[in-house]
Structure formats: structure tokens, C-alpha cells
Amino acid sequence: SNKAITIDPQNDFAYTNRGLAKSDLGDHQGA
């Protein structure tokens, strides 16, 4: 997700995917 965001900072799905991963790791505020 970080790579996708680096290539395209307007990539809404990349932020969503990264949020899901953070949530699964217990970082709910980061998500």
C-alpha cells in the first residue's frame, strides 16, 4: 500500500487497504 501511495498519492484504495492492515494489527486509530 505504501508503494502504491508513493506512485499515486491520490490512490484511495491503497489508503483503504493500508487501513485494513493496520486495523488487523490492532492499530485502530492509524486505520
ModelCIF file with pLDDT and N, C-alpha, C, O atoms, coordinates in Angstrom:
data_MODEL
#
_entry.id   MODEL 
#
_entity.id                         1 
_entity.type                       polymer 
_entity.pdbx_number_of_molecules   1 
#
_entity_poly.entity_id                      1 
_entity_poly.type                           'polypeptide(L)' 
_entity_poly.nstd_linkage                   no 
_entity_poly.nstd_monomer                   no 
_entity_poly.pdbx_seq_one_letter_code       SNKAITIDPQNDFAYTNRGLAKSDLGDHQGA 
_entity_poly.pdbx_seq_one_letter_code_can   SNKAITIDPQNDFAYTNRGLAKSDLGDHQGA 
_entity_poly.pdbx_strand_id                 A 
#
loop_
_entity_poly_seq.entity_id 
_entity_poly_seq.num 
_entity_poly_seq.mon_id 
_entity_poly_seq.hetero 
1 1  SER n 
1 2  ASN n 
1 3  LYS n 
1 4  ALA n 
1 5  ILE n 
1 6  THR n 
1 7  ILE n 
1 8  ASP n 
1 9  PRO n 
1 10 GLN n 
1 11 ASN n 
1 12 ASP n 
1 13 PHE n 
1 14 ALA n 
1 15 TYR n 
1 16 THR n 
1 17 ASN n 
1 18 ARG n 
1 19 GLY n 
1 20 LEU n 
1 21 ALA n 
1 22 LYS n 
1 23 SER n 
1 24 ASP n 
1 25 LEU n 
1 26 GLY n 
1 27 ASP n 
1 28 HIS n 
1 29 GLN n 
1 30 GLY n 
1 31 ALA n 
#
_struct_asym.id          A 
_struct_asym.entity_id   1 
#
loop_
_ma_qa_metric.id 
_ma_qa_metric.mode 
_ma_qa_metric.name 
_ma_qa_metric.software_group_id 
_ma_qa_metric.type 
1 global pLDDT . pLDDT 
2 local  pLDDT . pLDDT 
#
_ma_qa_metric_global.metric_id      1 
_ma_qa_metric_global.metric_value   97.16 
_ma_qa_metric_global.model_id       1 
_ma_qa_metric_global.ordinal_id     1 
#
loop_
_ma_qa_metric_local.label_asym_id 
_ma_qa_metric_local.label_comp_id 
_ma_qa_metric_local.label_seq_id 
_ma_qa_metric_local.metric_id 
_ma_qa_metric_local.metric_value 
_ma_qa_metric_local.model_id 
_ma_qa_metric_local.ordinal_id 
A SER 1  2 98.00 1 1  
A ASN 2  2 98.00 1 2  
A LYS 3  2 98.00 1 3  
A ALA 4  2 97.00 1 4  
A ILE 5  2 97.00 1 5  
A THR 6  2 97.00 1 6  
A ILE 7  2 97.00 1 7  
A ASP 8  2 97.00 1 8  
A PRO 9  2 97.00 1 9  
A GLN 10 2 96.00 1 10 
A ASN 11 2 96.00 1 11 
A ASP 12 2 97.00 1 12 
A PHE 13 2 95.00 1 13 
A ALA 14 2 97.00 1 14 
A TYR 15 2 98.00 1 15 
A THR 16 2 97.00 1 16 
A ASN 17 2 96.00 1 17 
A ARG 18 2 98.00 1 18 
A GLY 19 2 98.00 1 19 
A LEU 20 2 97.00 1 20 
A ALA 21 2 97.00 1 21 
A LYS 22 2 98.00 1 22 
A SER 23 2 97.00 1 23 
A ASP 24 2 96.00 1 24 
A LEU 25 2 97.00 1 25 
A GLY 26 2 97.00 1 26 
A ASP 27 2 98.00 1 27 
A HIS 28 2 98.00 1 28 
A GLN 29 2 97.00 1 29 
A GLY 30 2 98.00 1 30 
A ALA 31 2 98.00 1 31 
#
loop_
_atom_site.group_PDB 
_atom_site.id 
_atom_site.type_symbol 
_atom_site.label_atom_id 
_atom_site.label_alt_id 
_atom_site.label_comp_id 
_atom_site.label_asym_id 
_atom_site.label_entity_id 
_atom_site.label_seq_id 
_atom_site.pdbx_PDB_ins_code 
_atom_site.Cartn_x 
_atom_site.Cartn_y 
_atom_site.Cartn_z 
_atom_site.occupancy 
_atom_site.B_iso_or_equiv 
_atom_site.pdbx_formal_charge 
_atom_site.auth_seq_id 
_atom_site.auth_comp_id 
_atom_site.auth_asym_id 
_atom_site.auth_atom_id 
_atom_site.pdbx_PDB_model_num 
ATOM 1   N N  . SER A 1 1  ? 0.829  -1.202 0.000  1.00 98.00 ? 1  SER A N  1 
ATOM 2   C CA . SER A 1 1  ? 0.000  0.000  0.000  1.00 98.00 ? 1  SER A CA 1 
ATOM 3   C C  . SER A 1 1  ? 0.869  1.258  0.000  1.00 98.00 ? 1  SER A C  1 
ATOM 4   O O  . SER A 1 1  ? 0.569  2.231  -0.693 1.00 98.00 ? 1  SER A O  1 
ATOM 5   N N  . ASN A 1 2  ? 1.939  1.229  0.779  1.00 98.00 ? 2  ASN A N  1 
ATOM 6   C CA . ASN A 1 2  ? 2.869  2.363  0.797  1.00 98.00 ? 2  ASN A CA 1 
ATOM 7   C C  . ASN A 1 2  ? 3.442  2.616  -0.595 1.00 98.00 ? 2  ASN A C  1 
ATOM 8   O O  . ASN A 1 2  ? 3.567  3.762  -1.026 1.00 98.00 ? 2  ASN A O  1 
ATOM 9   N N  . LYS A 1 3  ? 3.790  1.530  -1.295 1.00 98.00 ? 3  LYS A N  1 
ATOM 10  C CA . LYS A 1 3  ? 4.345  1.663  -2.643 1.00 98.00 ? 3  LYS A CA 1 
ATOM 11  C C  . LYS A 1 3  ? 3.319  2.284  -3.592 1.00 98.00 ? 3  LYS A C  1 
ATOM 12  O O  . LYS A 1 3  ? 3.649  3.168  -4.383 1.00 98.00 ? 3  LYS A O  1 
ATOM 13  N N  . ALA A 1 4  ? 2.070  1.810  -3.504 1.00 97.00 ? 4  ALA A N  1 
ATOM 14  C CA . ALA A 1 4  ? 1.014  2.350  -4.365 1.00 97.00 ? 4  ALA A CA 1 
ATOM 15  C C  . ALA A 1 4  ? 0.802  3.830  -4.091 1.00 97.00 ? 4  ALA A C  1 
ATOM 16  O O  . ALA A 1 4  ? 0.604  4.616  -5.018 1.00 97.00 ? 4  ALA A O  1 
ATOM 17  N N  . ILE A 1 5  ? 0.843  4.212  -2.814 1.00 97.00 ? 5  ILE A N  1 
ATOM 18  C CA . ILE A 1 5  ? 0.646  5.619  -2.434 1.00 97.00 ? 5  ILE A CA 1 
ATOM 19  C C  . ILE A 1 5  ? 1.817  6.476  -2.906 1.00 97.00 ? 5  ILE A C  1 
ATOM 20  O O  . ILE A 1 5  ? 1.627  7.623  -3.310 1.00 97.00 ? 5  ILE A O  1 
ATOM 21  N N  . THR A 1 6  ? 3.020  5.923  -2.854 1.00 97.00 ? 6  THR A N  1 
ATOM 22  C CA . THR A 1 6  ? 4.196  6.648  -3.352 1.00 97.00 ? 6  THR A CA 1 
ATOM 23  C C  . THR A 1 6  ? 4.047  6.945  -4.851 1.00 97.00 ? 6  THR A C  1 
ATOM 24  O O  . THR A 1 6  ? 4.352  8.045  -5.311 1.00 97.00 ? 6  THR A O  1 
ATOM 25  N N  . ILE A 1 7  ? 3.572  5.945  -5.597 1.00 97.00 ? 7  ILE A N  1 
ATOM 26  C CA . ILE A 1 7  ? 3.376  6.123  -7.037 1.00 97.00 ? 7  ILE A CA 1 
ATOM 27  C C  . ILE A 1 7  ? 2.224  7.087  -7.312 1.00 97.00 ? 7  ILE A C  1 
ATOM 28  O O  . ILE A 1 7  ? 2.318  7.948  -8.187 1.00 97.00 ? 7  ILE A O  1 
ATOM 29  N N  . ASP A 1 8  ? 1.135  6.933  -6.555 1.00 97.00 ? 8  ASP A N  1 
ATOM 30  C CA . ASP A 1 8  ? -0.073 7.758  -6.763 1.00 97.00 ? 8  ASP A CA 1 
ATOM 31  C C  . ASP A 1 8  ? -0.644 8.170  -5.407 1.00 97.00 ? 8  ASP A C  1 
ATOM 32  O O  . ASP A 1 8  ? -1.386 7.402  -4.794 1.00 97.00 ? 8  ASP A O  1 
ATOM 33  N N  . PRO A 1 9  ? -0.309 9.373  -4.931 1.00 97.00 ? 9  PRO A N  1 
ATOM 34  C CA . PRO A 1 9  ? -0.792 9.823  -3.615 1.00 97.00 ? 9  PRO A CA 1 
ATOM 35  C C  . PRO A 1 9  ? -2.309 9.997  -3.534 1.00 97.00 ? 9  PRO A C  1 
ATOM 36  O O  . PRO A 1 9  ? -2.848 10.196 -2.446 1.00 97.00 ? 9  PRO A O  1 
ATOM 37  N N  . GLN A 1 10 ? -3.003 9.924  -4.672 1.00 96.00 ? 10 GLN A N  1 
ATOM 38  C CA . GLN A 1 10 ? -4.466 10.033 -4.677 1.00 96.00 ? 10 GLN A CA 1 
ATOM 39  C C  . GLN A 1 10 ? -5.143 8.669  -4.797 1.00 96.00 ? 10 GLN A C  1 
ATOM 40  O O  . GLN A 1 10 ? -6.303 8.579  -5.199 1.00 96.00 ? 10 GLN A O  1 
ATOM 41  N N  . ASN A 1 11 ? -4.426 7.629  -4.452 1.00 96.00 ? 11 ASN A N  1 
ATOM 42  C CA . ASN A 1 11 ? -4.935 6.266  -4.587 1.00 96.00 ? 11 ASN A CA 1 
ATOM 43  C C  . ASN A 1 11 ? -5.784 5.912  -3.362 1.00 96.00 ? 11 ASN A C  1 
ATOM 44  O O  . ASN A 1 11 ? -5.261 5.463  -2.343 1.00 96.00 ? 11 ASN A O  1 
ATOM 45  N N  . ASP A 1 12 ? -7.092 6.119  -3.476 1.00 97.00 ? 12 ASP A N  1 
ATOM 46  C CA . ASP A 1 12 ? -7.986 5.909  -2.337 1.00 97.00 ? 12 ASP A CA 1 
ATOM 47  C C  . ASP A 1 12 ? -8.013 4.457  -1.867 1.00 97.00 ? 12 ASP A C  1 
ATOM 48  O O  . ASP A 1 12 ? -8.106 4.193  -0.668 1.00 97.00 ? 12 ASP A O  1 
ATOM 49  N N  . PHE A 1 13 ? -7.931 3.516  -2.807 1.00 95.00 ? 13 PHE A N  1 
ATOM 50  C CA . PHE A 1 13 ? -7.967 2.105  -2.423 1.00 95.00 ? 13 PHE A CA 1 
ATOM 51  C C  . PHE A 1 13 ? -6.714 1.696  -1.644 1.00 95.00 ? 13 PHE A C  1 
ATOM 52  O O  . PHE A 1 13 ? -6.779 0.834  -0.768 1.00 95.00 ? 13 PHE A O  1 
ATOM 53  N N  . ALA A 1 14 ? -5.584 2.313  -1.963 1.00 97.00 ? 14 ALA A N  1 
ATOM 54  C CA . ALA A 1 14 ? -4.358 1.994  -1.235 1.00 97.00 ? 14 ALA A CA 1 
ATOM 55  C C  . ALA A 1 14 ? -4.473 2.416  0.227  1.00 97.00 ? 14 ALA A C  1 
ATOM 56  O O  . ALA A 1 14 ? -4.046 1.687  1.122  1.00 97.00 ? 14 ALA A O  1 
ATOM 57  N N  . TYR A 1 15 ? -5.047 3.584  0.467  1.00 98.00 ? 15 TYR A N  1 
ATOM 58  C CA . TYR A 1 15 ? -5.261 4.013  1.856  1.00 98.00 ? 15 TYR A CA 1 
ATOM 59  C C  . TYR A 1 15 ? -6.238 3.065  2.563  1.00 98.00 ? 15 TYR A C  1 
ATOM 60  O O  . TYR A 1 15 ? -6.053 2.735  3.734  1.00 98.00 ? 15 TYR A O  1 
ATOM 61  N N  . THR A 1 16 ? -7.278 2.632  1.842  1.00 97.00 ? 16 THR A N  1 
ATOM 62  C CA . THR A 1 16 ? -8.253 1.714  2.440  1.00 97.00 ? 16 THR A CA 1 
ATOM 63  C C  . THR A 1 16 ? -7.598 0.383  2.784  1.00 97.00 ? 16 THR A C  1 
ATOM 64  O O  . THR A 1 16 ? -7.808 -0.147 3.875  1.00 97.00 ? 16 THR A O  1 
ATOM 65  N N  . ASN A 1 17 ? -6.799 -0.166 1.855  1.00 96.00 ? 17 ASN A N  1 
ATOM 66  C CA . ASN A 1 17 ? -6.106 -1.429 2.119  1.00 96.00 ? 17 ASN A CA 1 
ATOM 67  C C  . ASN A 1 17 ? -5.137 -1.294 3.291  1.00 96.00 ? 17 ASN A C  1 
ATOM 68  O O  . ASN A 1 17 ? -5.037 -2.188 4.132  1.00 96.00 ? 17 ASN A O  1 
ATOM 69  N N  . ARG A 1 18 ? -4.424 -0.168 3.340  1.00 98.00 ? 18 ARG A N  1 
ATOM 70  C CA . ARG A 1 18 ? -3.481 0.022  4.439  1.00 98.00 ? 18 ARG A CA 1 
ATOM 71  C C  . ARG A 1 18 ? -4.219 0.154  5.762  1.00 98.00 ? 18 ARG A C  1 
ATOM 72  O O  . ARG A 1 18 ? -3.759 -0.344 6.790  1.00 98.00 ? 18 ARG A O  1 
ATOM 73  N N  . GLY A 1 19 ? -5.367 0.828  5.734  1.00 98.00 ? 19 GLY A N  1 
ATOM 74  C CA . GLY A 1 19 ? -6.178 0.941  6.942  1.00 98.00 ? 19 GLY A CA 1 
ATOM 75  C C  . GLY A 1 19 ? -6.639 -0.416 7.440  1.00 98.00 ? 19 GLY A C  1 
ATOM 76  O O  . GLY A 1 19 ? -6.630 -0.681 8.642  1.00 98.00 ? 19 GLY A O  1 
ATOM 77  N N  . LEU A 1 20 ? -7.041 -1.277 6.511  1.00 97.00 ? 20 LEU A N  1 
ATOM 78  C CA . LEU A 1 20 ? -7.486 -2.625 6.888  1.00 97.00 ? 20 LEU A CA 1 
ATOM 79  C C  . LEU A 1 20 ? -6.344 -3.408 7.543  1.00 97.00 ? 20 LEU A C  1 
ATOM 80  O O  . LEU A 1 20 ? -6.544 -4.095 8.545  1.00 97.00 ? 20 LEU A O  1 
ATOM 81  N N  . ALA A 1 21 ? -5.146 -3.294 6.962  1.00 97.00 ? 21 ALA A N  1 
ATOM 82  C CA . ALA A 1 21 ? -3.996 -3.999 7.538  1.00 97.00 ? 21 ALA A CA 1 
ATOM 83  C C  . ALA A 1 21 ? -3.670 -3.464 8.928  1.00 97.00 ? 21 ALA A C  1 
ATOM 84  O O  . ALA A 1 21 ? -3.387 -4.234 9.846  1.00 97.00 ? 21 ALA A O  1 
ATOM 85  N N  . LYS A 1 22 ? -3.712 -2.143 9.078  1.00 98.00 ? 22 LYS A N  1 
ATOM 86  C CA . LYS A 1 22 ? -3.442 -1.550 10.393 1.00 98.00 ? 22 LYS A CA 1 
ATOM 87  C C  . LYS A 1 22 ? -4.481 -2.005 11.416 1.00 98.00 ? 22 LYS A C  1 
ATOM 88  O O  . LYS A 1 22 ? -4.149 -2.308 12.562 1.00 98.00 ? 22 LYS A O  1 
ATOM 89  N N  . SER A 1 23 ? -5.734 -2.047 10.990 1.00 97.00 ? 23 SER A N  1 
ATOM 90  C CA . SER A 1 23 ? -6.793 -2.495 11.899 1.00 97.00 ? 23 SER A CA 1 
ATOM 91  C C  . SER A 1 23 ? -6.549 -3.922 12.360 1.00 97.00 ? 23 SER A C  1 
ATOM 92  O O  . SER A 1 23 ? -6.697 -4.232 13.542 1.00 97.00 ? 23 SER A O  1 
ATOM 93  N N  . ASP A 1 24 ? -6.171 -4.802 11.415 1.00 96.00 ? 24 ASP A N  1 
ATOM 94  C CA . ASP A 1 24 ? -5.915 -6.202 11.771 1.00 96.00 ? 24 ASP A CA 1 
ATOM 95  C C  . ASP A 1 24 ? -4.715 -6.343 12.709 1.00 96.00 ? 24 ASP A C  1 
ATOM 96  O O  . ASP A 1 24 ? -4.598 -7.323 13.444 1.00 96.00 ? 24 ASP A O  1 
ATOM 97  N N  . LEU A 1 25 ? -3.822 -5.344 12.671 1.00 97.00 ? 25 LEU A N  1 
ATOM 98  C CA . LEU A 1 25 ? -2.679 -5.341 13.583 1.00 97.00 ? 25 LEU A CA 1 
ATOM 99  C C  . LEU A 1 25 ? -3.002 -4.658 14.911 1.00 97.00 ? 25 LEU A C  1 
ATOM 100 O O  . LEU A 1 25 ? -2.139 -4.564 15.783 1.00 97.00 ? 25 LEU A O  1 
ATOM 101 N N  . GLY A 1 26 ? -4.240 -4.180 15.070 1.00 97.00 ? 26 GLY A N  1 
ATOM 102 C CA . GLY A 1 26 ? -4.670 -3.556 16.318 1.00 97.00 ? 26 GLY A CA 1 
ATOM 103 C C  . GLY A 1 26 ? -4.460 -2.056 16.369 1.00 97.00 ? 26 GLY A C  1 
ATOM 104 O O  . GLY A 1 26 ? -4.731 -1.435 17.397 1.00 97.00 ? 26 GLY A O  1 
ATOM 105 N N  . ASP A 1 27 ? -3.980 -1.453 15.276 1.00 98.00 ? 27 ASP A N  1 
ATOM 106 C CA . ASP A 1 27 ? -3.769 -0.007 15.237 1.00 98.00 ? 27 ASP A CA 1 
ATOM 107 C C  . ASP A 1 27 ? -5.030 0.662  14.681 1.00 98.00 ? 27 ASP A C  1 
ATOM 108 O O  . ASP A 1 27 ? -5.057 1.099  13.531 1.00 98.00 ? 27 ASP A O  1 
ATOM 109 N N  . HIS A 1 28 ? -6.066 0.734  15.510 1.00 98.00 ? 28 HIS A N  1 
ATOM 110 C CA . HIS A 1 28 ? -7.369 1.215  15.035 1.00 98.00 ? 28 HIS A CA 1 
ATOM 111 C C  . HIS A 1 28 ? -7.348 2.710  14.725 1.00 98.00 ? 28 HIS A C  1 
ATOM 112 O O  . HIS A 1 28 ? -7.992 3.151  13.773 1.00 98.00 ? 28 HIS A O  1 
ATOM 113 N N  . GLN A 1 29 ? -6.619 3.490  15.514 1.00 97.00 ? 29 GLN A N  1 
ATOM 114 C CA . GLN A 1 29 ? -6.549 4.923  15.218 1.00 97.00 ? 29 GLN A CA 1 
ATOM 115 C C  . GLN A 1 29 ? -5.773 5.166  13.923 1.00 97.00 ? 29 GLN A C  1 
ATOM 116 O O  . GLN A 1 29 ? -6.150 6.022  13.123 1.00 97.00 ? 29 GLN A O  1 
ATOM 117 N N  . GLY A 1 30 ? -4.700 4.420  13.720 1.00 98.00 ? 30 GLY A N  1 
ATOM 118 C CA . GLY A 1 30 ? -3.959 4.531  12.465 1.00 98.00 ? 30 GLY A CA 1 
ATOM 119 C C  . GLY A 1 30 ? -4.819 4.147  11.276 1.00 98.00 ? 30 GLY A C  1 
ATOM 120 O O  . GLY A 1 30 ? -4.734 4.760  10.212 1.00 98.00 ? 30 GLY A O  1 
ATOM 121 N N  . ALA A 1 31 ? -5.658 3.117  11.462 1.00 98.00 ? 31 ALA A N  1 
ATOM 122 C CA . ALA A 1 31 ? -6.581 2.702  10.404 1.00 98.00 ? 31 ALA A CA 1 
ATOM 123 C C  . ALA A 1 31 ? -7.571 3.817  10.089 1.00 98.00 ? 31 ALA A C  1 
ATOM 124 O O  . ALA A 1 31 ? -8.429 3.654  9.222  1.00 98.00 ? 31 ALA A O  1 
#
